[in-house]
Amino acid sequence: MKKKEIEVFGVTYDRYVLLQLHALFTRALKLKTVVEMPSHGAKAAGSLYSIGFGLAGCDVTLVNPEMEMMKGWDELGMRKRVENVSGVDVYDSGFDDNRFDLAWNFVTWTELENPARYLMEMKRISNKYVLFVTCNNFQPGYPWHRFLHMIFNFPWTHGQVEYNHITKVKKMFKQAGLKITEYGAIDTPGWPDPSGPRDIRLHRRYGGSNAEYRKTTPDWEVPIIGYAKTGQFPGWMKRLGQWDMLFRKGVLKLPMSHLFYVLGEKKV
């Protein structure tokens, strides 16, 4: 059974910030080919996190995508820019060495059993850069999130939380032989993540142990697609995004940012 879900303005804002980050990196790093592995969603529609790279002119490969969300790429007229590859072992993807300019992931890599091994595979298939964008536990929404799981007895479905710290990810990149070229905090709207009601509703509806929940799946409506199609974004989003991106580097915004990123470069 499908249940209609509309991504809320907070999710739309973090997608907007990703569009800005992708456009910036595409220009600065001269990216042409990008792989997102894996490309499923995290409490939102999957397989749309890379549209910023597509809009910036990159050819994108999505690994283990949510095929129903390819309609977003169709609506943006970018289906020719994206290739889907399913049934891939992310520890042994089968891609050639140095296949892509950038290998990246949005949040879901912490769900993997062996992130260090996964990072080595991402390094292997990239000819230069690896980018992880990750949930930030160094902000007040994190202990509140854990509290919600405890009082409502929701199973924890958000990966290995030890990797949601920027120092841990930077250390992992260095141990993998990657040179860290940039890191920082993004998605800093001024409210903690998650705020509460949406998170509770999604867990109740799709993450419960009740058989009724297990038979229900979200049918996502993604507002960022409409904004990106017209190029008309809300004024508050553009103004907040300018500040967000201007001060993204380093840890200045870390205490109130929902996400952080680490960009690594393969050593010559």
Protein backbone atom coordinates (compact mmCIF):
# COMPACT_ATOMS: atom_id res chain seq x y z
CA MET A 1 0.00 0.00 0.00
CA LYS A 2 1.28 3.46 -0.94
CA LYS A 3 0.89 6.44 1.36
CA LYS A 4 1.28 9.98 0.00
CA GLU A 5 4.15 11.88 1.63
CA ILE A 6 5.25 15.41 0.79
CA GLU A 7 8.80 16.35 1.73
CA VAL A 8 8.62 19.19 4.23
CA PHE A 9 10.34 22.56 3.81
CA GLY A 10 13.30 21.49 5.94
CA VAL A 11 14.06 18.57 3.62
CA THR A 12 13.55 20.84 0.61
CA TYR A 13 16.07 23.26 2.07
CA ASP A 14 18.76 20.63 2.55
CA ARG A 15 18.19 19.56 -1.07
CA TYR A 16 18.60 23.21 -2.11
CA VAL A 17 21.92 23.43 -0.26
CA LEU A 18 23.07 20.26 -2.01
CA LEU A 19 22.30 21.86 -5.38
CA GLN A 20 24.58 24.76 -4.46
CA LEU A 21 27.36 22.51 -3.19
CA HIS A 22 27.22 20.30 -6.28
CA ALA A 23 27.36 23.26 -8.65
CA LEU A 24 30.31 24.70 -6.75
CA PHE A 25 32.27 21.44 -6.73
CA THR A 26 31.49 20.72 -10.39
CA ARG A 27 33.03 24.05 -11.40
CA ALA A 28 35.95 24.04 -8.97
CA LEU A 29 36.96 20.40 -9.49
CA LYS A 30 36.06 20.27 -13.21
CA LEU A 31 33.83 17.23 -12.71
CA LYS A 32 32.36 15.37 -15.66
CA THR A 33 31.40 11.95 -14.28
CA VAL A 34 29.89 11.24 -10.85
CA VAL A 35 28.71 8.07 -9.09
CA GLU A 36 26.39 8.01 -6.08
CA MET A 37 26.71 4.66 -4.30
CA PRO A 38 24.31 3.56 -2.90
CA SER A 39 21.57 6.00 -3.88
CA HIS A 40 18.55 5.11 -1.75
CA GLY A 41 16.82 7.60 0.50
CA ALA A 42 17.00 8.37 4.20
CA LYS A 43 13.53 9.38 5.46
CA ALA A 44 13.04 11.10 2.09
CA ALA A 45 12.89 10.19 -1.58
CA GLY A 46 16.03 8.46 -2.79
CA SER A 47 17.92 8.66 -6.07
CA LEU A 48 17.39 12.43 -6.36
CA TYR A 49 20.32 13.61 -4.26
CA SER A 50 22.58 13.83 -7.33
CA ILE A 51 20.35 16.08 -9.43
CA GLY A 52 22.63 19.01 -8.60
CA PHE A 53 25.47 17.32 -10.42
CA GLY A 54 23.19 16.59 -13.37
CA LEU A 55 22.00 20.20 -13.51
CA ALA A 56 25.64 21.32 -13.43
CA GLY A 57 26.38 19.20 -16.53
CA CYS A 58 27.77 15.96 -15.08
CA ASP A 59 26.94 12.45 -16.24
CA VAL A 60 25.64 10.63 -13.17
CA THR A 61 25.58 6.92 -12.28
CA LEU A 62 23.18 5.85 -9.53
CA VAL A 63 23.97 2.58 -7.78
CA ASN A 64 21.06 0.54 -6.38
CA PRO A 65 18.53 3.33 -7.04
CA GLU A 66 14.88 3.69 -6.14
CA MET A 67 13.57 3.36 -9.66
CA GLU A 68 10.18 4.94 -8.93
CA MET A 69 11.96 8.22 -8.21
CA MET A 70 13.54 8.41 -11.66
CA LYS A 71 10.43 10.39 -12.58
CA GLY A 72 12.19 13.38 -11.01
CA TRP A 73 15.04 13.12 -13.51
CA ASP A 74 12.45 12.80 -16.28
CA GLU A 75 10.64 15.93 -15.13
CA LEU A 76 13.92 17.86 -15.18
CA GLY A 77 14.70 16.58 -18.69
CA MET A 78 17.88 14.86 -17.51
CA ARG A 79 17.17 11.18 -18.06
CA LYS A 80 19.95 11.02 -20.66
CA ARG A 81 22.41 12.25 -18.04
CA VAL A 82 21.77 9.43 -15.57
CA GLU A 83 22.56 5.71 -15.66
CA ASN A 84 21.08 3.25 -13.18
CA VAL A 85 22.93 0.16 -11.99
CA SER A 86 21.10 -2.23 -9.65
CA GLY A 87 22.11 -5.30 -7.65
CA VAL A 88 25.60 -3.95 -6.93
CA ASP A 89 27.76 -5.08 -4.01
CA VAL A 90 29.06 -1.75 -2.72
CA TYR A 91 32.21 -3.42 -1.37
CA ASP A 92 33.00 -4.92 -4.78
CA SER A 93 31.08 -2.86 -7.31
CA GLY A 94 32.60 -4.25 -10.50
CA PHE A 95 33.31 -0.77 -11.87
CA ASP A 96 36.70 -0.23 -13.50
CA ASP A 97 39.46 1.45 -11.52
CA ASN A 98 39.35 5.26 -11.77
CA ARG A 99 36.01 5.16 -13.61
CA PHE A 100 34.51 8.37 -12.18
CA ASP A 101 35.77 11.88 -11.41
CA LEU A 102 33.88 11.80 -8.10
CA ALA A 103 32.41 9.00 -5.97
CA TRP A 104 30.01 10.27 -3.33
CA ASN A 105 27.30 9.33 -0.86
CA PHE A 106 24.56 11.18 0.98
CA VAL A 107 24.08 9.98 4.57
CA THR A 108 23.34 6.30 3.86
CA TRP A 109 26.93 5.02 4.03
CA THR A 110 26.73 4.87 7.85
CA GLU A 111 24.15 2.08 7.48
CA LEU A 112 26.84 -0.22 6.09
CA GLU A 113 28.48 -2.86 8.26
CA ASN A 114 32.03 -2.01 7.16
CA PRO A 115 32.37 1.70 6.22
CA ALA A 116 36.18 1.55 6.00
CA ARG A 117 36.07 -1.21 3.39
CA TYR A 118 33.36 0.67 1.51
CA LEU A 119 35.50 3.82 1.47
CA MET A 120 38.36 1.90 -0.15
CA GLU A 121 36.00 0.78 -2.93
CA MET A 122 34.84 4.38 -3.43
CA LYS A 123 38.47 5.43 -3.63
CA ARG A 124 39.23 2.72 -6.18
CA ILE A 125 36.45 3.63 -8.60
CA SER A 126 37.20 7.37 -8.40
CA ASN A 127 39.98 8.85 -10.48
CA LYS A 128 40.44 11.74 -8.06
CA TYR A 129 37.75 12.70 -5.52
CA VAL A 130 35.56 11.09 -2.85
CA LEU A 131 32.80 13.06 -1.07
CA PHE A 132 30.75 12.02 1.95
CA VAL A 133 27.83 14.15 3.15
CA THR A 134 26.79 12.92 6.57
CA CYS A 135 24.30 13.59 9.36
CA ASN A 136 25.83 15.74 12.07
CA ASN A 137 25.49 14.50 15.63
CA PHE A 138 27.27 17.55 17.03
CA GLN A 139 24.02 19.53 17.15
CA PRO A 140 21.13 19.64 19.66
CA GLY A 141 18.72 17.66 17.51
CA TYR A 142 20.74 14.47 17.91
CA PRO A 143 20.12 13.75 21.64
CA TRP A 144 16.47 14.71 21.10
CA HIS A 145 16.30 12.20 18.24
CA ARG A 146 17.72 9.44 20.44
CA PHE A 147 15.22 10.39 23.16
CA LEU A 148 12.31 10.07 20.71
CA HIS A 149 13.46 6.60 19.72
CA MET A 150 13.70 5.60 23.37
CA ILE A 151 10.32 6.88 24.57
CA PHE A 152 8.42 5.60 21.52
CA ASN A 153 10.43 2.36 21.36
CA PHE A 154 11.36 2.88 17.71
CA PRO A 155 14.17 0.65 16.41
CA TRP A 156 17.28 2.63 15.50
CA THR A 157 17.45 2.68 11.69
CA HIS A 158 19.94 5.49 11.12
CA GLY A 159 23.20 3.63 10.86
CA GLN A 160 26.30 3.58 13.03
CA VAL A 161 26.16 6.88 14.91
CA GLU A 162 29.88 6.91 15.65
CA TYR A 163 30.44 7.92 12.03
CA ASN A 164 28.18 10.98 12.32
CA HIS A 165 31.09 13.00 13.71
CA ILE A 166 33.35 15.02 11.44
CA THR A 167 36.57 14.11 13.26
CA LYS A 168 35.80 10.38 12.83
CA VAL A 169 35.17 10.75 9.11
CA LYS A 170 38.28 12.88 8.55
CA LYS A 171 40.36 10.26 10.36
CA MET A 172 38.84 7.50 8.22
CA PHE A 173 39.67 9.41 5.02
CA LYS A 174 43.27 9.85 6.13
CA GLN A 175 43.58 6.17 7.03
CA ALA A 176 42.31 5.33 3.53
CA GLY A 177 45.15 7.37 2.02
CA LEU A 178 42.96 10.27 0.92
CA LYS A 179 44.12 13.85 1.21
CA ILE A 180 41.38 16.00 2.72
CA THR A 181 40.96 19.01 0.45
CA GLU A 182 37.86 20.51 2.10
CA TYR A 183 35.45 19.85 4.93
CA GLY A 184 32.65 21.81 6.47
CA ALA A 185 29.10 22.11 7.77
CA ILE A 186 26.01 22.72 5.64
CA ASP A 187 22.23 22.77 5.99
CA THR A 188 22.15 25.30 8.83
CA PRO A 189 18.58 26.61 8.90
CA GLY A 190 18.42 27.65 12.55
CA TRP A 191 16.31 24.81 13.95
CA PRO A 192 17.57 21.45 15.26
CA ASP A 193 17.27 18.27 13.23
CA PRO A 194 14.92 16.47 13.53
CA SER A 195 12.29 18.79 14.97
CA GLY A 196 10.07 15.90 16.08
CA PRO A 197 6.56 15.39 14.64
CA ARG A 198 7.65 14.41 11.13
CA ASP A 199 10.22 11.96 12.47
CA ILE A 200 7.66 10.35 14.76
CA ARG A 201 5.09 10.06 11.98
CA LEU A 202 7.53 8.45 9.53
CA HIS A 203 8.74 5.94 12.11
CA ARG A 204 5.20 5.06 13.11
CA ARG A 205 4.05 4.73 9.53
CA TYR A 206 7.00 2.91 7.95
CA GLY A 207 9.39 1.74 10.65
CA GLY A 208 7.20 -0.11 13.09
CA SER A 209 7.09 -3.83 13.78
CA ASN A 210 3.35 -4.00 13.16
CA ALA A 211 2.46 -5.91 9.98
CA GLU A 212 0.28 -3.01 8.81
CA TYR A 213 3.31 -0.72 8.86
CA ARG A 214 5.48 -3.17 6.96
CA LYS A 215 2.94 -3.24 4.12
CA THR A 216 2.96 0.57 3.74
CA THR A 217 5.50 2.45 1.62
CA PRO A 218 5.78 6.20 1.00
CA ASP A 219 4.76 7.76 -2.30
CA TRP A 220 7.00 10.82 -2.26
CA GLU A 221 6.24 14.24 -3.64
CA VAL A 222 9.48 16.23 -3.90
CA PRO A 223 9.01 20.03 -4.09
CA ILE A 224 12.65 20.72 -5.04
CA ILE A 225 11.97 19.19 -8.47
CA GLY A 226 9.43 21.90 -9.29
CA TYR A 227 11.71 24.66 -8.03
CA ALA A 228 14.70 23.33 -9.98
CA LYS A 229 12.61 22.92 -13.12
CA THR A 230 11.59 26.59 -13.14
CA GLY A 231 14.71 27.97 -11.48
CA GLN A 232 12.40 29.85 -9.10
CA PHE A 233 13.30 29.18 -5.48
CA PRO A 234 11.67 30.84 -2.44
CA GLY A 235 13.41 34.04 -1.36
CA TRP A 236 13.99 32.82 2.20
CA MET A 237 15.68 29.72 0.84
CA LYS A 238 18.04 31.67 -1.40
CA ARG A 239 18.98 34.15 1.34
CA LEU A 240 19.56 31.44 3.93
CA GLY A 241 21.48 29.38 1.38
CA GLN A 242 23.84 32.26 0.60
CA TRP A 243 24.84 32.53 4.25
CA ASP A 244 24.97 28.77 4.60
CA MET A 245 27.37 28.30 1.70
CA LEU A 246 29.50 31.38 2.42
CA PHE A 247 30.50 30.05 5.84
CA ARG A 248 30.40 26.34 5.01
CA LYS A 249 34.12 25.57 5.38
CA GLY A 250 35.52 24.40 8.68
CA VAL A 251 33.56 23.85 11.88
CA LEU A 252 32.16 27.32 12.55
CA LYS A 253 28.57 26.26 11.82
CA LEU A 254 28.87 22.70 13.10
CA PRO A 255 26.88 23.18 16.36
CA MET A 256 23.68 24.04 14.44
CA SER A 257 24.19 22.31 11.08
CA HIS A 258 22.20 19.24 10.13
CA LEU A 259 24.91 17.94 7.81
CA PHE A 260 28.66 17.99 7.37
CA TYR A 261 30.82 16.99 4.42
CA VAL A 262 34.33 15.75 3.85
CA LEU A 263 35.98 15.91 0.42
CA GLY A 264 39.03 13.73 -0.16
CA GLU A 265 41.49 13.56 -3.03
CA LYS A 266 43.51 10.56 -4.13
CA LYS A 267 47.23 11.15 -3.66
CA VAL A 268 49.35 11.04 -6.77
